[in-house]
Amino acid sequence: MDTFAEMTGWLPLSLTLLFAQTPTSAPTEEEQRAAQELEFRELQLQVETLRAQLEAQQQEDQGHIQALQQQQALQQERAGALEQLRQQRLVSLQRAYDWLITADQLLESGELAVGPSIAYAQREISTALSTAADTGRGQTVRLIESALERLSTVNDAVDERDVYPARQQLQAAGAELHEAWRLTLNRPGTTLVNQ
């Protein structure tokens, strides 16, 4: 019994100790307001940080867009210049070819005064060569150079009244110019690197 009494005696004492502890007091309205204000400032700071990051990203993206636009404009400008050179080359090759036909017809009819026709053809071929050389090296350039070299021998052959070799050179040069013209016509906007 003593033991039970001792145990029951401890029970009210334990409960008394338990309930006697002062519970933590609830935060006051002012403390709640201060905590909310602190939380609001932290959120505001996070929003400002995100906004700054977004603006920085937008500026970076804008810079990339402007760089791409400039690159595209340069490419379009270059493509336009190459196309203009190609058109000039086509005209020069056609004119040179026409002058070669004129010279060949003169020789065929027995007329040996082909010097002016050859000179005009050489001038047009040189113009075509300069536009081709400006945009690269390739088959077109080699054909034009070969035709120009052939014409340098025609006047000498005519001076020696060797009409047949002169006509052969004219016809071979004409075939080379025609092939160069065909390559140029079929490859708009190319740089002639692979021609």
N, C-alpha and C. Protein backbone atom coordinates (compact mmCIF):
# COMPACT_ATOMS: atom_id res chain seq x y z
N MET A 1 0.82 -1.19 0.00
CA MET A 1 0.00 0.00 0.00
C MET A 1 0.86 1.24 0.00
N ASP A 2 1.86 1.17 0.79
CA ASP A 2 2.74 2.33 0.82
C ASP A 2 3.27 2.64 -0.57
N THR A 3 3.56 1.60 -1.26
CA THR A 3 4.11 1.80 -2.61
C THR A 3 3.06 2.44 -3.50
N PHE A 4 1.81 1.97 -3.40
CA PHE A 4 0.75 2.54 -4.21
C PHE A 4 0.51 4.00 -3.84
N ALA A 5 0.54 4.25 -2.55
CA ALA A 5 0.34 5.63 -2.09
C ALA A 5 1.45 6.51 -2.58
N GLU A 6 2.62 5.93 -2.54
CA GLU A 6 3.77 6.72 -3.03
C GLU A 6 3.60 7.01 -4.52
N MET A 7 3.12 5.98 -5.26
CA MET A 7 2.95 6.16 -6.71
C MET A 7 1.85 7.16 -6.99
N THR A 8 0.75 7.06 -6.31
CA THR A 8 -0.34 7.99 -6.55
C THR A 8 0.00 9.38 -6.07
N GLY A 9 0.87 9.44 -5.13
CA GLY A 9 1.31 10.74 -4.67
C GLY A 9 2.16 11.44 -5.71
N TRP A 10 2.88 10.69 -6.43
CA TRP A 10 3.73 11.27 -7.49
C TRP A 10 2.90 11.75 -8.68
N LEU A 11 1.78 11.07 -8.87
CA LEU A 11 0.96 11.41 -10.05
C LEU A 11 0.44 12.83 -9.98
N PRO A 12 -0.19 13.24 -8.88
CA PRO A 12 -0.64 14.63 -8.85
C PRO A 12 0.53 15.59 -8.91
N LEU A 13 1.64 15.17 -8.32
CA LEU A 13 2.80 16.04 -8.35
C LEU A 13 3.33 16.19 -9.77
N SER A 14 3.34 15.07 -10.52
CA SER A 14 3.83 15.12 -11.91
C SER A 14 2.91 15.97 -12.76
N LEU A 15 1.61 15.79 -12.59
CA LEU A 15 0.67 16.58 -13.36
C LEU A 15 0.77 18.05 -13.01
N THR A 16 0.99 18.26 -11.76
CA THR A 16 1.14 19.65 -11.34
C THR A 16 2.35 20.28 -12.00
N LEU A 17 3.43 19.54 -12.00
CA LEU A 17 4.64 20.07 -12.65
C LEU A 17 4.39 20.29 -14.14
N LEU A 18 3.68 19.34 -14.76
CA LEU A 18 3.43 19.43 -16.20
C LEU A 18 2.58 20.65 -16.53
N PHE A 19 1.51 20.83 -15.77
CA PHE A 19 0.62 21.95 -16.07
C PHE A 19 1.14 23.26 -15.52
N ALA A 20 2.06 23.17 -14.61
CA ALA A 20 2.58 24.38 -14.01
C ALA A 20 3.52 25.10 -14.95
N GLN A 21 4.06 24.38 -15.98
CA GLN A 21 4.99 25.05 -16.90
C GLN A 21 4.21 26.08 -17.70
N THR A 22 4.80 27.21 -17.88
CA THR A 22 4.12 28.29 -18.61
C THR A 22 4.28 28.03 -20.11
N PRO A 23 3.20 27.91 -20.82
CA PRO A 23 3.30 27.68 -22.26
C PRO A 23 3.89 28.91 -22.96
N THR A 24 4.50 28.65 -24.12
CA THR A 24 5.07 29.79 -24.87
C THR A 24 3.92 30.67 -25.30
N SER A 25 4.12 31.92 -25.15
CA SER A 25 3.04 32.85 -25.47
C SER A 25 2.94 33.03 -26.98
N ALA A 26 1.76 33.21 -27.50
CA ALA A 26 1.52 33.43 -28.93
C ALA A 26 2.13 34.77 -29.34
N PRO A 27 2.63 34.85 -30.61
CA PRO A 27 3.23 36.12 -31.04
C PRO A 27 2.19 37.22 -31.05
N THR A 28 2.66 38.37 -30.71
CA THR A 28 1.76 39.53 -30.69
C THR A 28 1.47 39.95 -32.12
N GLU A 29 0.50 40.78 -32.26
CA GLU A 29 0.12 41.28 -33.58
C GLU A 29 1.26 42.04 -34.23
N GLU A 30 1.99 42.78 -33.42
CA GLU A 30 3.13 43.55 -33.94
C GLU A 30 4.23 42.63 -34.44
N GLU A 31 4.48 41.53 -33.69
CA GLU A 31 5.49 40.58 -34.11
C GLU A 31 5.06 39.88 -35.41
N GLN A 32 3.78 39.56 -35.51
CA GLN A 32 3.27 38.94 -36.74
C GLN A 32 3.45 39.89 -37.93
N ARG A 33 3.16 41.15 -37.70
CA ARG A 33 3.29 42.14 -38.76
C ARG A 33 4.76 42.28 -39.19
N ALA A 34 5.65 42.28 -38.21
CA ALA A 34 7.09 42.40 -38.52
C ALA A 34 7.57 41.18 -39.30
N ALA A 35 7.09 39.99 -38.93
CA ALA A 35 7.48 38.76 -39.63
C ALA A 35 6.95 38.77 -41.06
N GLN A 36 5.71 39.23 -41.23
CA GLN A 36 5.13 39.32 -42.57
C GLN A 36 5.89 40.32 -43.44
N GLU A 37 6.25 41.43 -42.83
CA GLU A 37 6.98 42.46 -43.57
C GLU A 37 8.35 41.94 -44.00
N LEU A 38 9.01 41.20 -43.11
CA LEU A 38 10.31 40.60 -43.44
C LEU A 38 10.16 39.59 -44.58
N GLU A 39 9.12 38.77 -44.49
CA GLU A 39 8.88 37.78 -45.54
C GLU A 39 8.57 38.48 -46.87
N PHE A 40 7.79 39.58 -46.81
CA PHE A 40 7.46 40.34 -48.02
C PHE A 40 8.71 40.93 -48.66
N ARG A 41 9.59 41.47 -47.80
CA ARG A 41 10.85 42.05 -48.33
C ARG A 41 11.72 40.99 -48.99
N GLU A 42 11.75 39.80 -48.39
CA GLU A 42 12.53 38.71 -48.97
C GLU A 42 11.97 38.32 -50.33
N LEU A 43 10.63 38.23 -50.40
CA LEU A 43 9.99 37.91 -51.68
C LEU A 43 10.24 39.00 -52.71
N GLN A 44 10.16 40.24 -52.24
CA GLN A 44 10.40 41.37 -53.13
C GLN A 44 11.84 41.33 -53.69
N LEU A 45 12.78 40.99 -52.82
CA LEU A 45 14.18 40.88 -53.23
C LEU A 45 14.35 39.75 -54.26
N GLN A 46 13.65 38.64 -54.03
CA GLN A 46 13.73 37.52 -54.98
C GLN A 46 13.15 37.93 -56.34
N VAL A 47 12.04 38.66 -56.29
CA VAL A 47 11.41 39.12 -57.54
C VAL A 47 12.35 40.06 -58.29
N GLU A 48 12.97 40.99 -57.56
CA GLU A 48 13.90 41.94 -58.19
C GLU A 48 15.11 41.21 -58.78
N THR A 49 15.59 40.20 -58.07
CA THR A 49 16.72 39.41 -58.57
C THR A 49 16.33 38.68 -59.85
N LEU A 50 15.14 38.07 -59.84
CA LEU A 50 14.66 37.38 -61.03
C LEU A 50 14.46 38.34 -62.20
N ARG A 51 13.93 39.52 -61.87
CA ARG A 51 13.70 40.52 -62.92
C ARG A 51 15.03 40.96 -63.53
N ALA A 52 16.04 41.17 -62.70
CA ALA A 52 17.37 41.57 -63.19
C ALA A 52 17.97 40.46 -64.06
N GLN A 53 17.81 39.22 -63.62
CA GLN A 53 18.32 38.10 -64.41
C GLN A 53 17.61 38.01 -65.76
N LEU A 54 16.29 38.22 -65.74
CA LEU A 54 15.51 38.18 -66.96
C LEU A 54 15.93 39.29 -67.92
N GLU A 55 16.12 40.49 -67.39
CA GLU A 55 16.56 41.61 -68.23
C GLU A 55 17.93 41.33 -68.83
N ALA A 56 18.84 40.78 -68.02
CA ALA A 56 20.17 40.45 -68.52
C ALA A 56 20.09 39.40 -69.63
N GLN A 57 19.21 38.40 -69.43
CA GLN A 57 19.03 37.36 -70.44
C GLN A 57 18.44 37.95 -71.72
N GLN A 58 17.48 38.86 -71.55
CA GLN A 58 16.86 39.50 -72.72
C GLN A 58 17.89 40.33 -73.50
N GLN A 59 18.74 41.06 -72.78
CA GLN A 59 19.79 41.84 -73.44
C GLN A 59 20.76 40.93 -74.19
N GLU A 60 21.11 39.81 -73.55
CA GLU A 60 22.01 38.86 -74.20
C GLU A 60 21.36 38.27 -75.45
N ASP A 61 20.07 37.91 -75.32
CA ASP A 61 19.35 37.37 -76.47
C ASP A 61 19.25 38.40 -77.59
N GLN A 62 19.00 39.64 -77.21
CA GLN A 62 18.91 40.72 -78.19
C GLN A 62 20.23 40.91 -78.91
N GLY A 63 21.32 40.80 -78.15
CA GLY A 63 22.65 40.89 -78.76
C GLY A 63 22.88 39.77 -79.76
N HIS A 64 22.45 38.55 -79.41
CA HIS A 64 22.59 37.42 -80.33
C HIS A 64 21.75 37.64 -81.59
N ILE A 65 20.54 38.14 -81.39
CA ILE A 65 19.65 38.38 -82.53
C ILE A 65 20.25 39.43 -83.46
N GLN A 66 20.78 40.50 -82.89
CA GLN A 66 21.39 41.55 -83.71
C GLN A 66 22.60 41.02 -84.47
N ALA A 67 23.41 40.19 -83.80
CA ALA A 67 24.58 39.61 -84.47
C ALA A 67 24.14 38.72 -85.62
N LEU A 68 23.09 37.92 -85.40
CA LEU A 68 22.58 37.06 -86.48
C LEU A 68 22.01 37.87 -87.63
N GLN A 69 21.32 38.97 -87.29
CA GLN A 69 20.75 39.82 -88.33
C GLN A 69 21.86 40.48 -89.16
N GLN A 70 22.92 40.92 -88.47
CA GLN A 70 24.05 41.52 -89.19
C GLN A 70 24.72 40.50 -90.09
N GLN A 71 24.89 39.28 -89.56
CA GLN A 71 25.50 38.22 -90.35
C GLN A 71 24.64 37.89 -91.57
N GLN A 72 23.34 37.83 -91.36
CA GLN A 72 22.44 37.55 -92.48
C GLN A 72 22.49 38.67 -93.52
N ALA A 73 22.54 39.92 -93.05
CA ALA A 73 22.62 41.06 -93.98
C ALA A 73 23.91 41.00 -94.79
N LEU A 74 25.02 40.65 -94.12
CA LEU A 74 26.30 40.53 -94.84
C LEU A 74 26.25 39.40 -95.86
N GLN A 75 25.63 38.29 -95.47
CA GLN A 75 25.53 37.16 -96.40
C GLN A 75 24.67 37.53 -97.61
N GLN A 76 23.58 38.25 -97.37
CA GLN A 76 22.72 38.67 -98.46
C GLN A 76 23.45 39.66 -99.37
N GLU A 77 24.21 40.55 -98.75
CA GLU A 77 24.99 41.52 -99.53
C GLU A 77 26.03 40.80 -100.38
N ARG A 78 26.71 39.83 -99.77
CA ARG A 78 27.72 39.05 -100.49
C ARG A 78 27.07 38.25 -101.62
N ALA A 79 25.91 37.65 -101.33
CA ALA A 79 25.21 36.88 -102.36
C ALA A 79 24.79 37.79 -103.52
N GLY A 80 24.34 39.00 -103.19
CA GLY A 80 23.97 39.96 -104.24
C GLY A 80 25.16 40.36 -105.09
N ALA A 81 26.31 40.57 -104.44
CA ALA A 81 27.53 40.93 -105.18
C ALA A 81 27.97 39.79 -106.08
N LEU A 82 27.90 38.55 -105.55
CA LEU A 82 28.28 37.38 -106.35
C LEU A 82 27.35 37.20 -107.55
N GLU A 83 26.07 37.44 -107.32
CA GLU A 83 25.11 37.31 -108.42
C GLU A 83 25.36 38.37 -109.49
N GLN A 84 25.71 39.58 -109.05
CA GLN A 84 26.01 40.64 -110.02
C GLN A 84 27.25 40.27 -110.84
N LEU A 85 28.28 39.73 -110.17
CA LEU A 85 29.48 39.29 -110.90
C LEU A 85 29.13 38.17 -111.89
N ARG A 86 28.28 37.27 -111.47
CA ARG A 86 27.88 36.17 -112.34
C ARG A 86 27.17 36.69 -113.59
N GLN A 87 26.27 37.64 -113.39
CA GLN A 87 25.55 38.22 -114.53
C GLN A 87 26.51 38.95 -115.48
N GLN A 88 27.45 39.70 -114.90
CA GLN A 88 28.45 40.39 -115.73
C GLN A 88 29.28 39.39 -116.53
N ARG A 89 29.65 38.29 -115.87
CA ARG A 89 30.45 37.27 -116.53
C ARG A 89 29.69 36.64 -117.69
N LEU A 90 28.41 36.36 -117.48
CA LEU A 90 27.58 35.78 -118.55
C LEU A 90 27.54 36.71 -119.77
N VAL A 91 27.36 38.00 -119.52
CA VAL A 91 27.31 38.97 -120.62
C VAL A 91 28.64 39.03 -121.35
N SER A 92 29.73 39.09 -120.59
CA SER A 92 31.06 39.18 -121.21
C SER A 92 31.39 37.93 -122.02
N LEU A 93 31.05 36.76 -121.47
CA LEU A 93 31.31 35.51 -122.19
C LEU A 93 30.50 35.45 -123.48
N GLN A 94 29.25 35.90 -123.44
CA GLN A 94 28.41 35.89 -124.64
C GLN A 94 28.97 36.84 -125.70
N ARG A 95 29.38 38.02 -125.28
CA ARG A 95 29.94 38.99 -126.23
C ARG A 95 31.23 38.46 -126.85
N ALA A 96 32.08 37.88 -125.99
CA ALA A 96 33.34 37.33 -126.51
C ALA A 96 33.06 36.22 -127.52
N TYR A 97 32.12 35.37 -127.20
CA TYR A 97 31.75 34.27 -128.10
C TYR A 97 31.26 34.82 -129.44
N ASP A 98 30.44 35.88 -129.38
CA ASP A 98 29.93 36.50 -130.62
C ASP A 98 31.07 37.05 -131.46
N TRP A 99 32.07 37.67 -130.80
CA TRP A 99 33.23 38.20 -131.54
C TRP A 99 34.04 37.08 -132.17
N LEU A 100 34.13 35.94 -131.49
CA LEU A 100 34.85 34.80 -132.07
C LEU A 100 34.14 34.27 -133.31
N ILE A 101 32.81 34.24 -133.25
CA ILE A 101 32.04 33.80 -134.42
C ILE A 101 32.26 34.76 -135.59
N THR A 102 32.26 36.06 -135.26
CA THR A 102 32.51 37.06 -136.30
C THR A 102 33.87 36.85 -136.95
N ALA A 103 34.91 36.65 -136.12
CA ALA A 103 36.27 36.44 -136.64
C ALA A 103 36.32 35.17 -137.49
N ASP A 104 35.68 34.10 -137.03
CA ASP A 104 35.69 32.84 -137.79
C ASP A 104 34.97 33.01 -139.13
N GLN A 105 33.86 33.73 -139.13
CA GLN A 105 33.12 33.95 -140.38
C GLN A 105 33.95 34.78 -141.36
N LEU A 106 34.69 35.76 -140.82
CA LEU A 106 35.57 36.56 -141.69
C LEU A 106 36.63 35.67 -142.33
N LEU A 107 37.26 34.83 -141.51
CA LEU A 107 38.29 33.93 -142.05
C LEU A 107 37.70 32.95 -143.06
N GLU A 108 36.50 32.48 -142.78
CA GLU A 108 35.86 31.52 -143.68
C GLU A 108 35.58 32.16 -145.05
N SER A 109 35.26 33.45 -145.02
CA SER A 109 34.96 34.16 -146.28
C SER A 109 36.23 34.66 -146.98
N GLY A 110 37.39 34.40 -146.38
CA GLY A 110 38.66 34.81 -147.00
C GLY A 110 39.17 36.15 -146.51
N GLU A 111 38.46 36.78 -145.60
CA GLU A 111 38.88 38.09 -145.05
C GLU A 111 39.86 37.86 -143.91
N LEU A 112 41.02 38.48 -143.99
CA LEU A 112 42.06 38.25 -142.97
C LEU A 112 42.11 39.36 -141.91
N ALA A 113 41.32 40.41 -142.07
CA ALA A 113 41.35 41.53 -141.12
C ALA A 113 40.48 41.20 -139.90
N VAL A 114 40.98 40.25 -139.10
CA VAL A 114 40.22 39.82 -137.92
C VAL A 114 40.77 40.42 -136.63
N GLY A 115 41.81 41.23 -136.76
CA GLY A 115 42.45 41.82 -135.57
C GLY A 115 41.49 42.51 -134.63
N PRO A 116 40.61 43.43 -135.13
CA PRO A 116 39.67 44.10 -134.23
C PRO A 116 38.72 43.12 -133.53
N SER A 117 38.22 42.13 -134.27
CA SER A 117 37.31 41.15 -133.65
C SER A 117 38.01 40.38 -132.54
N ILE A 118 39.27 40.00 -132.80
CA ILE A 118 40.04 39.27 -131.78
C ILE A 118 40.28 40.15 -130.57
N ALA A 119 40.61 41.43 -130.82
CA ALA A 119 40.88 42.37 -129.71
C ALA A 119 39.64 42.55 -128.84
N TYR A 120 38.46 42.73 -129.48
CA TYR A 120 37.23 42.87 -128.72
C TYR A 120 36.94 41.60 -127.91
N ALA A 121 37.15 40.44 -128.54
CA ALA A 121 36.92 39.18 -127.84
C ALA A 121 37.86 39.04 -126.64
N GLN A 122 39.12 39.42 -126.82
CA GLN A 122 40.10 39.33 -125.72
C GLN A 122 39.70 40.26 -124.56
N ARG A 123 39.22 41.44 -124.91
CA ARG A 123 38.80 42.38 -123.87
C ARG A 123 37.63 41.81 -123.07
N GLU A 124 36.63 41.26 -123.75
CA GLU A 124 35.48 40.67 -123.05
C GLU A 124 35.90 39.45 -122.22
N ILE A 125 36.80 38.64 -122.77
CA ILE A 125 37.26 37.46 -122.04
C ILE A 125 38.02 37.89 -120.78
N SER A 126 38.84 38.94 -120.91
CA SER A 126 39.58 39.44 -119.74
C SER A 126 38.62 39.94 -118.66
N THR A 127 37.54 40.60 -119.08
CA THR A 127 36.52 41.07 -118.12
C THR A 127 35.87 39.87 -117.43
N ALA A 128 35.52 38.86 -118.23
CA ALA A 128 34.91 37.65 -117.65
C ALA A 128 35.88 36.97 -116.68
N LEU A 129 37.16 36.95 -117.04
CA LEU A 129 38.15 36.32 -116.18
C LEU A 129 38.29 37.07 -114.86
N SER A 130 38.25 38.40 -114.92
CA SER A 130 38.39 39.18 -113.67
C SER A 130 37.21 38.94 -112.73
N THR A 131 36.00 38.81 -113.27
CA THR A 131 34.85 38.55 -112.39
C THR A 131 34.90 37.14 -111.84
N ALA A 132 35.42 36.20 -112.64
CA ALA A 132 35.54 34.81 -112.16
C ALA A 132 36.64 34.70 -111.12
N ALA A 133 37.75 35.40 -111.36
CA ALA A 133 38.88 35.34 -110.42
C ALA A 133 38.52 35.99 -109.08
N ASP A 134 37.63 36.99 -109.10
CA ASP A 134 37.22 37.66 -107.86
C ASP A 134 36.43 36.74 -106.95
N THR A 135 35.82 35.71 -107.51
CA THR A 135 34.95 34.85 -106.71
C THR A 135 35.50 33.45 -106.54
N GLY A 136 36.75 33.24 -106.86
CA GLY A 136 37.34 31.94 -106.61
C GLY A 136 38.03 31.36 -107.82
N ARG A 137 38.57 30.19 -107.66
CA ARG A 137 39.25 29.47 -108.74
C ARG A 137 38.48 28.19 -109.04
N GLY A 138 38.52 27.75 -110.26
CA GLY A 138 37.81 26.52 -110.58
C GLY A 138 37.81 26.27 -112.07
N GLN A 139 36.95 25.37 -112.48
CA GLN A 139 36.88 24.97 -113.88
C GLN A 139 36.54 26.14 -114.79
N THR A 140 35.64 27.02 -114.37
CA THR A 140 35.26 28.17 -115.19
C THR A 140 36.47 29.05 -115.47
N VAL A 141 37.25 29.32 -114.45
CA VAL A 141 38.43 30.16 -114.60
C VAL A 141 39.42 29.50 -115.56
N ARG A 142 39.64 28.21 -115.41
CA ARG A 142 40.59 27.51 -116.28
C ARG A 142 40.15 27.55 -117.75
N LEU A 143 38.86 27.39 -117.99
CA LEU A 143 38.35 27.45 -119.36
C LEU A 143 38.55 28.84 -119.96
N ILE A 144 38.26 29.87 -119.19
CA ILE A 144 38.41 31.24 -119.69
C ILE A 144 39.89 31.54 -119.96
N GLU A 145 40.76 31.14 -119.05
CA GLU A 145 42.20 31.36 -119.25
C GLU A 145 42.70 30.65 -120.50
N SER A 146 42.24 29.42 -120.71
CA SER A 146 42.66 28.65 -121.87
C SER A 146 42.20 29.33 -123.17
N ALA A 147 40.95 29.82 -123.19
CA ALA A 147 40.43 30.50 -124.38
C ALA A 147 41.25 31.75 -124.67
N LEU A 148 41.61 32.48 -123.61
CA LEU A 148 42.40 33.70 -123.79
C LEU A 148 43.78 33.37 -124.36
N GLU A 149 44.38 32.29 -123.89
CA GLU A 149 45.69 31.88 -124.41
C GLU A 149 45.58 31.47 -125.89
N ARG A 150 44.54 30.80 -126.26
CA ARG A 150 44.37 30.38 -127.66
C ARG A 150 44.30 31.60 -128.58
N LEU A 151 43.58 32.64 -128.13
CA LEU A 151 43.42 33.82 -128.97
C LEU A 151 44.74 34.54 -129.21
N SER A 152 45.67 34.38 -128.29
CA SER A 152 46.96 35.07 -128.46
C SER A 152 47.74 34.52 -129.65
N THR A 153 47.38 33.33 -130.11
CA THR A 153 48.09 32.72 -131.25
C THR A 153 47.37 32.97 -132.58
N VAL A 154 46.12 33.41 -132.53
CA VAL A 154 45.32 33.55 -133.76
C VAL A 154 45.90 34.62 -134.68
N ASN A 155 46.22 35.79 -134.16
CA ASN A 155 46.75 36.88 -135.00
C ASN A 155 48.04 36.47 -135.70
N ASP A 156 48.92 35.75 -134.96
CA ASP A 156 50.17 35.31 -135.58
C ASP A 156 49.88 34.35 -136.73
N ALA A 157 48.93 33.44 -136.52
CA ALA A 157 48.59 32.48 -137.58
C ALA A 157 48.00 33.20 -138.78
N VAL A 158 47.16 34.21 -138.54
CA VAL A 158 46.55 34.97 -139.64
C VAL A 158 47.63 35.75 -140.39
N ASP A 159 48.56 36.35 -139.63
CA ASP A 159 49.65 37.10 -140.27
C ASP A 159 50.45 36.20 -141.21
N GLU A 160 50.58 34.94 -140.87
CA GLU A 160 51.31 33.99 -141.70
C GLU A 160 50.39 33.31 -142.72
N ARG A 161 49.13 33.77 -142.78
CA ARG A 161 48.11 33.26 -143.69
C ARG A 161 47.82 31.78 -143.46
N ASP A 162 47.98 31.36 -142.20
CA ASP A 162 47.61 29.99 -141.82
C ASP A 162 46.16 30.03 -141.29
N VAL A 163 45.24 30.09 -142.20
CA VAL A 163 43.83 30.28 -141.84
C VAL A 163 43.27 29.06 -141.10
N TYR A 164 43.63 27.89 -141.55
CA TYR A 164 43.05 26.69 -140.93
C TYR A 164 43.41 26.58 -139.44
N PRO A 165 44.74 26.68 -139.07
CA PRO A 165 45.05 26.64 -137.62
C PRO A 165 44.41 27.79 -136.84
N ALA A 166 44.31 28.97 -137.49
CA ALA A 166 43.68 30.11 -136.82
C ALA A 166 42.22 29.79 -136.52
N ARG A 167 41.51 29.22 -137.49
CA ARG A 167 40.10 28.87 -137.28
C ARG A 167 39.96 27.77 -136.23
N GLN A 168 40.88 26.82 -136.23
CA GLN A 168 40.84 25.76 -135.21
C GLN A 168 40.95 26.35 -133.80
N GLN A 169 41.87 27.29 -133.66
CA GLN A 169 42.04 27.94 -132.35
C GLN A 169 40.79 28.73 -131.96
N LEU A 170 40.21 29.43 -132.95
CA LEU A 170 38.98 30.20 -132.68
C LEU A 170 37.85 29.26 -132.24
N GLN A 171 37.70 28.16 -132.93
CA GLN A 171 36.62 27.23 -132.61
C GLN A 171 36.85 26.56 -131.26
N ALA A 172 38.10 26.21 -130.95
CA ALA A 172 38.39 25.61 -129.65
C ALA A 172 38.15 26.63 -128.53
N ALA A 173 38.57 27.88 -128.76
CA ALA A 173 38.33 28.94 -127.76
C ALA A 173 36.83 29.16 -127.58
N GLY A 174 36.09 29.12 -128.71
CA GLY A 174 34.64 29.29 -128.63
C GLY A 174 34.00 28.18 -127.83
N ALA A 175 34.46 26.94 -128.02
CA ALA A 175 33.91 25.82 -127.25
C ALA A 175 34.19 25.99 -125.76
N GLU A 176 35.39 26.47 -125.43
CA GLU A 176 35.74 26.68 -124.02
C GLU A 176 34.89 27.80 -123.41
N LEU A 177 34.69 28.86 -124.17
CA LEU A 177 33.85 29.97 -123.67
C LEU A 177 32.41 29.50 -123.49
N HIS A 178 31.93 28.70 -124.42
CA HIS A 178 30.55 28.20 -124.30
C HIS A 178 30.40 27.34 -123.05
N GLU A 179 31.40 26.49 -122.77
CA GLU A 179 31.34 25.65 -121.57
C GLU A 179 31.42 26.51 -120.29
N ALA A 180 32.30 27.52 -120.32
CA ALA A 180 32.40 28.44 -119.16
C ALA A 180 31.07 29.17 -118.95
N TRP A 181 30.45 29.58 -120.05
CA TRP A 181 29.15 30.25 -119.97
C TRP A 181 28.10 29.31 -119.38
N ARG A 182 28.09 28.04 -119.83
CA ARG A 182 27.13 27.06 -119.33
C ARG A 182 27.31 26.81 -117.83
N LEU A 183 28.57 26.67 -117.41
CA LEU A 183 28.84 26.47 -115.98
C LEU A 183 28.38 27.67 -115.16
N THR A 184 28.64 28.86 -115.67
CA THR A 184 28.23 30.08 -114.96
C THR A 184 26.72 30.19 -114.91
N LEU A 185 26.06 29.85 -116.00
CA LEU A 185 24.60 29.94 -116.07
C LEU A 185 23.94 28.96 -115.10
N ASN A 186 24.49 27.77 -115.01
CA ASN A 186 23.87 26.71 -114.21
C ASN A 186 24.18 26.80 -112.72
N ARG A 187 25.02 27.71 -112.33
CA ARG A 187 25.39 27.79 -110.91
C ARG A 187 25.21 29.19 -110.36
N PRO A 188 23.97 29.64 -110.26
CA PRO A 188 23.75 30.99 -109.69
C PRO A 188 24.16 31.05 -108.24
N GLY A 189 24.76 32.16 -107.86
CA GLY A 189 25.11 32.39 -106.46
C GLY A 189 26.29 31.60 -105.97
N THR A 190 27.01 30.90 -106.87
CA THR A 190 28.16 30.12 -106.41
C THR A 190 29.38 31.02 -106.33
N THR A 191 30.41 30.50 -105.67
CA THR A 191 31.66 31.24 -105.55
C THR A 191 32.72 30.72 -106.49
N LEU A 192 32.33 29.79 -107.33
CA LEU A 192 33.23 29.21 -108.33
C LEU A 192 34.35 28.38 -107.72
N VAL A 193 34.32 28.16 -106.44
CA VAL A 193 35.37 27.36 -105.81
C VAL A 193 35.34 25.95 -106.37
N ASN A 194 34.15 25.45 -106.65
CA ASN A 194 34.03 24.08 -107.14
C ASN A 194 33.68 24.02 -108.62
N GLN A 195 33.87 25.12 -109.34
CA GLN A 195 33.55 25.11 -110.76
C GLN A 195 34.79 24.88 -111.61
